[in-house]
């Protein structure tokens, strides 16, 4: 059970503000896009359960 409120911004917006994630879209944009979509699906699934 999650004990904090649902995030009001998308994972992509949150993650790309972090330095460790900013390089991914520049080095391999297609892979970064697919990974971020997959990660967002996992976040959404976590909130549904």
PDB file of N, CA and C in Angstrom:
ATOM      1  N   UNK A   1       0.840  -1.181   0.000  1.00  0.00           N
ATOM      2  CA  UNK A   1       0.000   0.000   0.000  1.00  0.00           C
ATOM      3  C   UNK A   1       0.881   1.239   0.000  1.00  0.00           C
ATOM      4  N   UNK A   2       0.536   2.158  -0.873  1.00  0.00           N
ATOM      5  CA  UNK A   2       1.286   3.405  -0.943  1.00  0.00           C
ATOM      6  C   UNK A   2       0.704   4.393   0.051  1.00  0.00           C
ATOM      7  N   UNK A   3       1.562   5.059   0.779  1.00  0.00           N
ATOM      8  CA  UNK A   3       1.077   5.972   1.813  1.00  0.00           C
ATOM      9  C   UNK A   3       1.360   7.435   1.484  1.00  0.00           C
ATOM     10  N   UNK A   4       1.412   7.753   0.204  1.00  0.00           N
ATOM     11  CA  UNK A   4       1.602   9.128  -0.195  1.00  0.00           C
ATOM     12  C   UNK A   4       0.684   9.419  -1.381  1.00  0.00           C
ATOM     13  N   UNK A   5       0.373  10.687  -1.626  1.00  0.00           N
ATOM     14  CA  UNK A   5      -0.569  11.024  -2.687  1.00  0.00           C
ATOM     15  C   UNK A   5       0.006  10.755  -4.076  1.00  0.00           C
ATOM     16  N   UNK A   6      -0.887  10.528  -5.023  1.00  0.00           N
ATOM     17  CA  UNK A   6      -0.493  10.298  -6.401  1.00  0.00           C
ATOM     18  C   UNK A   6       0.223  11.529  -6.942  1.00  0.00           C
ATOM     19  N   UNK A   7       1.274  11.297  -7.737  1.00  0.00           N
ATOM     20  CA  UNK A   7       2.012  12.404  -8.330  1.00  0.00           C
ATOM     21  C   UNK A   7       1.123  13.148  -9.310  1.00  0.00           C
ATOM     22  N   UNK A   8       1.251  14.449  -9.373  1.00  0.00           N
ATOM     23  CA  UNK A   8       0.424  15.238 -10.276  1.00  0.00           C
ATOM     24  C   UNK A   8       1.161  15.569 -11.578  1.00  0.00           C
ATOM     25  N   UNK A   9       2.403  15.106 -11.739  1.00  0.00           N
ATOM     26  CA  UNK A   9       3.128  15.292 -12.991  1.00  0.00           C
ATOM     27  C   UNK A   9       3.530  13.931 -13.540  1.00  0.00           C
ATOM     28  N   UNK A  10       3.771  13.864 -14.821  1.00  0.00           N
ATOM     29  CA  UNK A  10       4.171  12.615 -15.457  1.00  0.00           C
ATOM     30  C   UNK A  10       5.591  12.254 -15.039  1.00  0.00           C
ATOM     31  N   UNK A  11       5.884  10.977 -15.070  1.00  0.00           N
ATOM     32  CA  UNK A  11       7.218  10.497 -14.706  1.00  0.00           C
ATOM     33  C   UNK A  11       8.289  11.153 -15.570  1.00  0.00           C
ATOM     34  N   UNK A  12       8.009  11.302 -16.860  1.00  0.00           N
ATOM     35  CA  UNK A  12       8.981  11.908 -17.783  1.00  0.00           C
ATOM     36  C   UNK A  12       9.380  13.307 -17.308  1.00  0.00           C
ATOM     37  N   UNK A  13       8.403  14.119 -16.932  1.00  0.00           N
ATOM     38  CA  UNK A  13       8.697  15.484 -16.482  1.00  0.00           C
ATOM     39  C   UNK A  13       9.520  15.479 -15.200  1.00  0.00           C
ATOM     40  N   UNK A  14       9.195  14.571 -14.314  1.00  0.00           N
ATOM     41  CA  UNK A  14       9.940  14.464 -13.056  1.00  0.00           C
ATOM     42  C   UNK A  14      11.359  13.948 -13.295  1.00  0.00           C
ATOM     43  N   UNK A  15      11.478  12.857 -14.046  1.00  0.00           N
ATOM     44  CA  UNK A  15      12.778  12.208 -14.226  1.00  0.00           C
ATOM     45  C   UNK A  15      13.760  13.081 -14.995  1.00  0.00           C
ATOM     46  N   UNK A  16      13.286  13.756 -16.044  1.00  0.00           N
ATOM     47  CA  UNK A  16      14.212  14.550 -16.854  1.00  0.00           C
ATOM     48  C   UNK A  16      14.671  15.819 -16.163  1.00  0.00           C
ATOM     49  N   UNK A  17      14.186  16.093 -14.966  1.00  0.00           N
ATOM     50  CA  UNK A  17      14.744  17.163 -14.145  1.00  0.00           C
ATOM     51  C   UNK A  17      15.930  16.671 -13.335  1.00  0.00           C
ATOM     52  N   UNK A  18      16.118  15.350 -13.303  1.00  0.00           N
ATOM     53  CA  UNK A  18      17.246  14.743 -12.585  1.00  0.00           C
ATOM     54  C   UNK A  18      18.443  14.626 -13.538  1.00  0.00           C
ATOM     55  N   UNK A  19      19.613  14.996 -13.078  1.00  0.00           N
ATOM     56  CA  UNK A  19      20.809  14.994 -13.913  1.00  0.00           C
ATOM     57  C   UNK A  19      21.106  13.610 -14.505  1.00  0.00           C
ATOM     58  N   UNK A  20      20.888  12.560 -13.748  1.00  0.00           N
ATOM     59  CA  UNK A  20      21.237  11.220 -14.214  1.00  0.00           C
ATOM     60  C   UNK A  20      20.377  10.748 -15.376  1.00  0.00           C
ATOM     61  N   UNK A  21      19.224  11.363 -15.593  1.00  0.00           N
ATOM     62  CA  UNK A  21      18.345  10.960 -16.690  1.00  0.00           C
ATOM     63  C   UNK A  21      18.411  11.904 -17.888  1.00  0.00           C
ATOM     64  N   UNK A  22      19.019  13.052 -17.749  1.00  0.00           N
ATOM     65  CA  UNK A  22      19.035  14.037 -18.831  1.00  0.00           C
ATOM     66  C   UNK A  22      19.853  13.600 -20.035  1.00  0.00           C
ATOM     67  N   UNK A  23      20.865  12.780 -19.851  1.00  0.00           N
ATOM     68  CA  UNK A  23      21.732  12.379 -20.961  1.00  0.00           C
ATOM     69  C   UNK A  23      21.084  11.336 -21.860  1.00  0.00           C
ATOM     70  N   UNK A  24      20.190  10.543 -21.346  1.00  0.00           N
ATOM     71  CA  UNK A  24      19.594   9.460 -22.128  1.00  0.00           C
ATOM     72  C   UNK A  24      18.930   9.917 -23.423  1.00  0.00           C
ATOM     73  N   UNK A  25      18.057  10.915 -23.387  1.00  0.00           N
ATOM     74  CA  UNK A  25      17.417  11.325 -24.633  1.00  0.00           C
ATOM     75  C   UNK A  25      18.390  11.908 -25.659  1.00  0.00           C
ATOM     76  N   UNK A  26      19.491  12.431 -25.186  1.00  0.00           N
ATOM     77  CA  UNK A  26      20.463  12.998 -26.121  1.00  0.00           C
ATOM     78  C   UNK A  26      21.320  11.928 -26.774  1.00  0.00           C
ATOM     79  N   UNK A  27      21.646  10.868 -26.026  1.00  0.00           N
ATOM     80  CA  UNK A  27      22.520   9.837 -26.567  1.00  0.00           C
ATOM     81  C   UNK A  27      21.770   8.806 -27.396  1.00  0.00           C
ATOM     82  N   UNK A  28      20.567   8.432 -26.979  1.00  0.00           N
ATOM     83  CA  UNK A  28      19.777   7.454 -27.714  1.00  0.00           C
ATOM     84  C   UNK A  28      18.289   7.783 -27.522  1.00  0.00           C
ATOM     85  N   UNK A  29      17.771   8.710 -28.307  1.00  0.00           N
ATOM     86  CA  UNK A  29      16.414   9.207 -28.091  1.00  0.00           C
ATOM     87  C   UNK A  29      15.332   8.128 -28.207  1.00  0.00           C
ATOM     88  N   UNK A  30      15.445   7.245 -29.171  1.00  0.00           N
ATOM     89  CA  UNK A  30      14.418   6.214 -29.353  1.00  0.00           C
ATOM     90  C   UNK A  30      14.380   5.253 -28.173  1.00  0.00           C
ATOM     91  N   UNK A  31      15.523   4.813 -27.715  1.00  0.00           N
ATOM     92  CA  UNK A  31      15.598   3.912 -26.561  1.00  0.00           C
ATOM     93  C   UNK A  31      15.092   4.616 -25.306  1.00  0.00           C
ATOM     94  N   UNK A  32      15.469   5.865 -25.116  1.00  0.00           N
ATOM     95  CA  UNK A  32      15.018   6.631 -23.949  1.00  0.00           C
ATOM     96  C   UNK A  32      13.505   6.779 -23.961  1.00  0.00           C
ATOM     97  N   UNK A  33      12.921   7.024 -25.135  1.00  0.00           N
ATOM     98  CA  UNK A  33      11.471   7.175 -25.251  1.00  0.00           C
ATOM     99  C   UNK A  33      10.755   5.879 -24.889  1.00  0.00           C
ATOM    100  N   UNK A  34      11.257   4.743 -25.411  1.00  0.00           N
ATOM    101  CA  UNK A  34      10.633   3.455 -25.115  1.00  0.00           C
ATOM    102  C   UNK A  34      10.749   3.102 -23.639  1.00  0.00           C
ATOM    103  N   UNK A  35      11.907   3.339 -23.059  1.00  0.00           N
ATOM    104  CA  UNK A  35      12.104   3.040 -21.639  1.00  0.00           C
ATOM    105  C   UNK A  35      11.210   3.907 -20.759  1.00  0.00           C
ATOM    106  N   UNK A  36      11.061   5.183 -21.126  1.00  0.00           N
ATOM    107  CA  UNK A  36      10.218   6.072 -20.335  1.00  0.00           C
ATOM    108  C   UNK A  36       8.750   5.666 -20.452  1.00  0.00           C
ATOM    109  N   UNK A  37       8.322   5.226 -21.634  1.00  0.00           N
ATOM    110  CA  UNK A  37       6.945   4.752 -21.791  1.00  0.00           C
ATOM    111  C   UNK A  37       6.700   3.516 -20.924  1.00  0.00           C
ATOM    112  N   UNK A  38       7.657   2.605 -20.931  1.00  0.00           N
ATOM    113  CA  UNK A  38       7.548   1.399 -20.119  1.00  0.00           C
ATOM    114  C   UNK A  38       7.510   1.744 -18.633  1.00  0.00           C
ATOM    115  N   UNK A  39       8.377   2.652 -18.219  1.00  0.00           N
ATOM    116  CA  UNK A  39       8.416   3.060 -16.811  1.00  0.00           C
ATOM    117  C   UNK A  39       7.098   3.722 -16.410  1.00  0.00           C
ATOM    118  N   UNK A  40       6.521   4.530 -17.299  1.00  0.00           N
ATOM    119  CA  UNK A  40       5.240   5.183 -16.990  1.00  0.00           C
ATOM    120  C   UNK A  40       4.136   4.142 -16.866  1.00  0.00           C
ATOM    121  N   UNK A  41       4.160   3.111 -17.710  1.00  0.00           N
ATOM    122  CA  UNK A  41       3.172   2.037 -17.605  1.00  0.00           C
ATOM    123  C   UNK A  41       3.269   1.341 -16.252  1.00  0.00           C
ATOM    124  N   UNK A  42       4.485   1.120 -15.786  1.00  0.00           N
ATOM    125  CA  UNK A  42       4.676   0.492 -14.486  1.00  0.00           C
ATOM    126  C   UNK A  42       4.160   1.383 -13.351  1.00  0.00           C
ATOM    127  N   UNK A  43       4.412   2.673 -13.447  1.00  0.00           N
ATOM    128  CA  UNK A  43       3.909   3.603 -12.429  1.00  0.00           C
ATOM    129  C   UNK A  43       2.386   3.592 -12.418  1.00  0.00           C
ATOM    130  N   UNK A  44       1.782   3.648 -13.610  1.00  0.00           N
ATOM    131  CA  UNK A  44       0.321   3.633 -13.698  1.00  0.00           C
ATOM    132  C   UNK A  44      -0.255   2.334 -13.137  1.00  0.00           C
ATOM    133  N   UNK A  45       0.383   1.227 -13.448  1.00  0.00           N
ATOM    134  CA  UNK A  45      -0.072  -0.062 -12.944  1.00  0.00           C
ATOM    135  C   UNK A  45       0.032  -0.113 -11.428  1.00  0.00           C
ATOM    136  N   UNK A  46       1.099   0.423 -10.881  1.00  0.00           N
ATOM    137  CA  UNK A  46       1.279   0.451  -9.426  1.00  0.00           C
ATOM    138  C   UNK A  46       0.143   1.210  -8.760  1.00  0.00           C
ATOM    139  N   UNK A  47      -0.276   2.334  -9.366  1.00  0.00           N
ATOM    140  CA  UNK A  47      -1.344   3.136  -8.778  1.00  0.00           C
ATOM    141  C   UNK A  47      -2.700   2.478  -8.927  1.00  0.00           C
ATOM    142  N   UNK A  48      -2.871   1.644  -9.964  1.00  0.00           N
ATOM    143  CA  UNK A  48      -4.151   0.962 -10.155  1.00  0.00           C
ATOM    144  C   UNK A  48      -4.362  -0.164  -9.161  1.00  0.00           C
ATOM    145  N   UNK A  49      -3.280  -0.774  -8.700  1.00  0.00           N
ATOM    146  CA  UNK A  49      -3.415  -1.917  -7.793  1.00  0.00           C
ATOM    147  C   UNK A  49      -3.416  -1.503  -6.346  1.00  0.00           C
TER     148      UNK A  49
END
